[in-house]
């Protein structure tokens, strides 16, 4: 199940408050500013900095 566009518009990165982009194929939200990826589990975004994955 994809995240709704209304929800995506309101969600921000917990670290920098920047915009998050949804990568449906990887089922995660990505902050390009911080270079962090937040996983989505059971259709619920896990926006915890401690659990974010650093991306290159």
PDB file of N, CA and C in Angstrom:
ATOM      1  N   UNK A   1       0.849  -1.182   0.000  1.00  0.00           N
ATOM      2  CA  UNK A   1       0.000   0.000   0.000  1.00  0.00           C
ATOM      3  C   UNK A   1       0.892   1.243   0.000  1.00  0.00           C
ATOM      4  N   UNK A   2       0.620   2.136  -0.906  1.00  0.00           N
ATOM      5  CA  UNK A   2       1.412   3.361  -1.012  1.00  0.00           C
ATOM      6  C   UNK A   2       0.930   4.393   0.004  1.00  0.00           C
ATOM      7  N   UNK A   3       1.848   5.233   0.414  1.00  0.00           N
ATOM      8  CA  UNK A   3       1.489   6.325   1.317  1.00  0.00           C
ATOM      9  C   UNK A   3       0.700   7.372   0.550  1.00  0.00           C
ATOM     10  N   UNK A   4      -0.258   7.988   1.211  1.00  0.00           N
ATOM     11  CA  UNK A   4      -1.066   9.000   0.540  1.00  0.00           C
ATOM     12  C   UNK A   4      -0.240  10.260   0.288  1.00  0.00           C
ATOM     13  N   UNK A   5      -0.573  10.951  -0.770  1.00  0.00           N
ATOM     14  CA  UNK A   5       0.159  12.178  -1.107  1.00  0.00           C
ATOM     15  C   UNK A   5      -0.073  13.262  -0.050  1.00  0.00           C
ATOM     16  N   UNK A   6      -1.245  13.274   0.576  1.00  0.00           N
ATOM     17  CA  UNK A   6      -1.524  14.246   1.637  1.00  0.00           C
ATOM     18  C   UNK A   6      -0.611  14.014   2.836  1.00  0.00           C
ATOM     19  N   UNK A   7      -0.405  12.762   3.184  1.00  0.00           N
ATOM     20  CA  UNK A   7       0.477  12.432   4.306  1.00  0.00           C
ATOM     21  C   UNK A   7       1.920  12.803   3.970  1.00  0.00           C
ATOM     22  N   UNK A   8       2.345  12.491   2.769  1.00  0.00           N
ATOM     23  CA  UNK A   8       3.715  12.801   2.352  1.00  0.00           C
ATOM     24  C   UNK A   8       4.000  14.300   2.381  1.00  0.00           C
ATOM     25  N   UNK A   9       3.009  15.112   2.045  1.00  0.00           N
ATOM     26  CA  UNK A   9       3.193  16.562   2.057  1.00  0.00           C
ATOM     27  C   UNK A   9       3.450  17.100   3.463  1.00  0.00           C
ATOM     28  N   UNK A  10       2.929  16.424   4.472  1.00  0.00           N
ATOM     29  CA  UNK A  10       3.037  16.908   5.846  1.00  0.00           C
ATOM     30  C   UNK A  10       4.240  16.349   6.602  1.00  0.00           C
ATOM     31  N   UNK A  11       4.770  15.235   6.143  1.00  0.00           N
ATOM     32  CA  UNK A  11       5.895  14.619   6.849  1.00  0.00           C
ATOM     33  C   UNK A  11       7.199  15.320   6.501  1.00  0.00           C
ATOM     34  N   UNK A  12       8.045  15.479   7.512  1.00  0.00           N
ATOM     35  CA  UNK A  12       9.365  16.080   7.329  1.00  0.00           C
ATOM     36  C   UNK A  12      10.408  15.230   8.048  1.00  0.00           C
ATOM     37  N   UNK A  13      11.638  15.445   7.685  1.00  0.00           N
ATOM     38  CA  UNK A  13      12.748  14.757   8.333  1.00  0.00           C
ATOM     39  C   UNK A  13      12.818  15.197   9.799  1.00  0.00           C
ATOM     40  N   UNK A  14      12.905  14.252  10.723  1.00  0.00           N
ATOM     41  CA  UNK A  14      12.984  14.632  12.131  1.00  0.00           C
ATOM     42  C   UNK A  14      14.291  15.337  12.500  1.00  0.00           C
ATOM     43  N   UNK A  15      15.318  15.185  11.679  1.00  0.00           N
ATOM     44  CA  UNK A  15      16.608  15.805  11.984  1.00  0.00           C
ATOM     45  C   UNK A  15      16.677  17.254  11.495  1.00  0.00           C
ATOM     46  N   UNK A  16      16.371  17.490  10.221  1.00  0.00           N
ATOM     47  CA  UNK A  16      16.545  18.824   9.649  1.00  0.00           C
ATOM     48  C   UNK A  16      15.228  19.520   9.288  1.00  0.00           C
ATOM     49  N   UNK A  17      14.135  18.814   9.425  1.00  0.00           N
ATOM     50  CA  UNK A  17      12.796  19.321   9.065  1.00  0.00           C
ATOM     51  C   UNK A  17      12.651  19.565   7.565  1.00  0.00           C
ATOM     52  N   UNK A  18      13.508  18.896   6.788  1.00  0.00           N
ATOM     53  CA  UNK A  18      13.441  19.000   5.331  1.00  0.00           C
ATOM     54  C   UNK A  18      12.424  18.037   4.749  1.00  0.00           C
ATOM     55  N   UNK A  19      12.181  18.190   3.464  1.00  0.00           N
ATOM     56  CA  UNK A  19      11.212  17.376   2.749  1.00  0.00           C
ATOM     57  C   UNK A  19      11.722  15.937   2.605  1.00  0.00           C
ATOM     58  N   UNK A  20      10.796  14.991   2.714  1.00  0.00           N
ATOM     59  CA  UNK A  20      11.107  13.579   2.518  1.00  0.00           C
ATOM     60  C   UNK A  20      10.547  13.126   1.176  1.00  0.00           C
ATOM     61  N   UNK A  21      11.305  12.316   0.466  1.00  0.00           N
ATOM     62  CA  UNK A  21      10.803  11.734  -0.775  1.00  0.00           C
ATOM     63  C   UNK A  21      10.536  10.255  -0.539  1.00  0.00           C
ATOM     64  N   UNK A  22       9.488   9.771  -1.175  1.00  0.00           N
ATOM     65  CA  UNK A  22       9.055   8.387  -1.005  1.00  0.00           C
ATOM     66  C   UNK A  22       9.650   7.529  -2.102  1.00  0.00           C
ATOM     67  N   UNK A  23      10.390   6.502  -1.708  1.00  0.00           N
ATOM     68  CA  UNK A  23      10.932   5.535  -2.656  1.00  0.00           C
ATOM     69  C   UNK A  23      10.119   4.253  -2.513  1.00  0.00           C
ATOM     70  N   UNK A  24       9.103   4.166  -3.360  1.00  0.00           N
ATOM     71  CA  UNK A  24       8.149   3.061  -3.253  1.00  0.00           C
ATOM     72  C   UNK A  24       8.810   1.708  -3.477  1.00  0.00           C
ATOM     73  N   UNK A  25       9.748   1.630  -4.413  1.00  0.00           N
ATOM     74  CA  UNK A  25      10.402   0.351  -4.703  1.00  0.00           C
ATOM     75  C   UNK A  25      11.228  -0.165  -3.528  1.00  0.00           C
ATOM     76  N   UNK A  26      11.761   0.737  -2.698  1.00  0.00           N
ATOM     77  CA  UNK A  26      12.548   0.343  -1.525  1.00  0.00           C
ATOM     78  C   UNK A  26      11.747   0.454  -0.234  1.00  0.00           C
ATOM     79  N   UNK A  27      10.511   0.950  -0.345  1.00  0.00           N
ATOM     80  CA  UNK A  27       9.610   1.115   0.799  1.00  0.00           C
ATOM     81  C   UNK A  27      10.268   1.917   1.923  1.00  0.00           C
ATOM     82  N   UNK A  28      10.698   3.129   1.552  1.00  0.00           N
ATOM     83  CA  UNK A  28      11.353   3.989   2.538  1.00  0.00           C
ATOM     84  C   UNK A  28      11.155   5.451   2.162  1.00  0.00           C
ATOM     85  N   UNK A  29      11.405   6.308   3.139  1.00  0.00           N
ATOM     86  CA  UNK A  29      11.388   7.752   2.945  1.00  0.00           C
ATOM     87  C   UNK A  29      12.821   8.243   3.031  1.00  0.00           C
ATOM     88  N   UNK A  30      13.198   9.156   2.151  1.00  0.00           N
ATOM     89  CA  UNK A  30      14.584   9.613   2.080  1.00  0.00           C
ATOM     90  C   UNK A  30      14.649  11.120   2.236  1.00  0.00           C
ATOM     91  N   UNK A  31      15.589  11.573   3.074  1.00  0.00           N
ATOM     92  CA  UNK A  31      15.909  12.990   3.210  1.00  0.00           C
ATOM     93  C   UNK A  31      17.222  13.211   2.458  1.00  0.00           C
ATOM     94  N   UNK A  32      17.149  13.965   1.370  1.00  0.00           N
ATOM     95  CA  UNK A  32      18.344  14.232   0.573  1.00  0.00           C
ATOM     96  C   UNK A  32      19.314  15.158   1.306  1.00  0.00           C
ATOM     97  N   UNK A  33      18.803  16.064   2.156  1.00  0.00           N
ATOM     98  CA  UNK A  33      19.668  16.983   2.895  1.00  0.00           C
ATOM     99  C   UNK A  33      20.570  16.237   3.877  1.00  0.00           C
ATOM    100  N   UNK A  34      19.982  15.348   4.658  1.00  0.00           N
ATOM    101  CA  UNK A  34      20.725  14.617   5.692  1.00  0.00           C
ATOM    102  C   UNK A  34      21.336  13.319   5.177  1.00  0.00           C
ATOM    103  N   UNK A  35      20.888  12.893   3.981  1.00  0.00           N
ATOM    104  CA  UNK A  35      21.323  11.613   3.407  1.00  0.00           C
ATOM    105  C   UNK A  35      20.944  10.457   4.336  1.00  0.00           C
ATOM    106  N   UNK A  36      19.686  10.493   4.808  1.00  0.00           N
ATOM    107  CA  UNK A  36      19.157   9.448   5.667  1.00  0.00           C
ATOM    108  C   UNK A  36      17.921   8.832   5.030  1.00  0.00           C
ATOM    109  N   UNK A  37      17.755   7.528   5.242  1.00  0.00           N
ATOM    110  CA  UNK A  37      16.578   6.810   4.764  1.00  0.00           C
ATOM    111  C   UNK A  37      15.838   6.232   5.971  1.00  0.00           C
ATOM    112  N   UNK A  38      14.537   6.436   5.968  1.00  0.00           N
ATOM    113  CA  UNK A  38      13.684   5.949   7.049  1.00  0.00           C
ATOM    114  C   UNK A  38      12.797   4.838   6.493  1.00  0.00           C
ATOM    115  N   UNK A  39      12.809   3.691   7.128  1.00  0.00           N
ATOM    116  CA  UNK A  39      12.038   2.546   6.638  1.00  0.00           C
ATOM    117  C   UNK A  39      10.554   2.731   6.936  1.00  0.00           C
ATOM    118  N   UNK A  40       9.763   1.967   6.205  1.00  0.00           N
ATOM    119  CA  UNK A  40       8.318   1.936   6.424  1.00  0.00           C
ATOM    120  C   UNK A  40       7.970   0.492   6.758  1.00  0.00           C
ATOM    121  N   UNK A  41       7.391   0.285   7.935  1.00  0.00           N
ATOM    122  CA  UNK A  41       7.035  -1.050   8.401  1.00  0.00           C
ATOM    123  C   UNK A  41       5.527  -1.135   8.590  1.00  0.00           C
ATOM    124  N   UNK A  42       4.912  -2.109   7.948  1.00  0.00           N
ATOM    125  CA  UNK A  42       3.455  -2.290   8.038  1.00  0.00           C
ATOM    126  C   UNK A  42       2.716  -0.993   7.726  1.00  0.00           C
ATOM    127  N   UNK A  43       3.163  -0.297   6.679  1.00  0.00           N
ATOM    128  CA  UNK A  43       2.581   0.960   6.212  1.00  0.00           C
ATOM    129  C   UNK A  43       2.724   2.111   7.203  1.00  0.00           C
ATOM    130  N   UNK A  44       3.637   1.989   8.161  1.00  0.00           N
ATOM    131  CA  UNK A  44       3.874   3.038   9.149  1.00  0.00           C
ATOM    132  C   UNK A  44       5.326   3.508   9.016  1.00  0.00           C
ATOM    133  N   UNK A  45       5.531   4.792   8.686  1.00  0.00           N
ATOM    134  CA  UNK A  45       6.894   5.311   8.607  1.00  0.00           C
ATOM    135  C   UNK A  45       7.557   5.329   9.985  1.00  0.00           C
ATOM    136  N   UNK A  46       8.778   4.823  10.044  1.00  0.00           N
ATOM    137  CA  UNK A  46       9.549   4.811  11.290  1.00  0.00           C
ATOM    138  C   UNK A  46      10.515   5.988  11.222  1.00  0.00           C
ATOM    139  N   UNK A  47      10.096   7.128  11.774  1.00  0.00           N
ATOM    140  CA  UNK A  47      10.873   8.363  11.671  1.00  0.00           C
ATOM    141  C   UNK A  47      11.705   8.584  12.928  1.00  0.00           C
ATOM    142  N   UNK A  48      12.523   7.607  13.240  1.00  0.00           N
ATOM    143  CA  UNK A  48      13.431   7.680  14.380  1.00  0.00           C
ATOM    144  C   UNK A  48      14.849   7.820  13.856  1.00  0.00           C
ATOM    145  N   UNK A  49      15.538   8.870  14.268  1.00  0.00           N
ATOM    146  CA  UNK A  49      16.898   9.097  13.773  1.00  0.00           C
ATOM    147  C   UNK A  49      17.835   7.949  14.132  1.00  0.00           C
ATOM    148  N   UNK A  50      17.615   7.324  15.290  1.00  0.00           N
ATOM    149  CA  UNK A  50      18.458   6.204  15.706  1.00  0.00           C
ATOM    150  C   UNK A  50      18.318   5.000  14.793  1.00  0.00           C
ATOM    151  N   UNK A  51      17.196   4.891  14.098  1.00  0.00           N
ATOM    152  CA  UNK A  51      16.953   3.736  13.230  1.00  0.00           C
ATOM    153  C   UNK A  51      17.090   4.073  11.746  1.00  0.00           C
ATOM    154  N   UNK A  52      17.451   5.299  11.452  1.00  0.00           N
ATOM    155  CA  UNK A  52      17.614   5.724  10.045  1.00  0.00           C
ATOM    156  C   UNK A  52      18.879   5.101   9.464  1.00  0.00           C
ATOM    157  N   UNK A  53      18.834   4.868   8.174  1.00  0.00           N
ATOM    158  CA  UNK A  53      19.985   4.298   7.453  1.00  0.00           C
ATOM    159  C   UNK A  53      20.681   5.413   6.689  1.00  0.00           C
ATOM    160  N   UNK A  54      21.996   5.515   6.839  1.00  0.00           N
ATOM    161  CA  UNK A  54      22.764   6.505   6.086  1.00  0.00           C
ATOM    162  C   UNK A  54      22.897   6.004   4.656  1.00  0.00           C
ATOM    163  N   UNK A  55      22.713   6.932   3.706  1.00  0.00           N
ATOM    164  CA  UNK A  55      22.826   6.566   2.306  1.00  0.00           C
ATOM    165  C   UNK A  55      23.939   7.377   1.652  1.00  0.00           C
ATOM    166  N   UNK A  56      24.487   6.841   0.568  1.00  0.00           N
ATOM    167  CA  UNK A  56      25.587   7.511  -0.149  1.00  0.00           C
ATOM    168  C   UNK A  56      25.082   8.492  -1.156  1.00  0.00           C
TER     169      UNK A  56
END
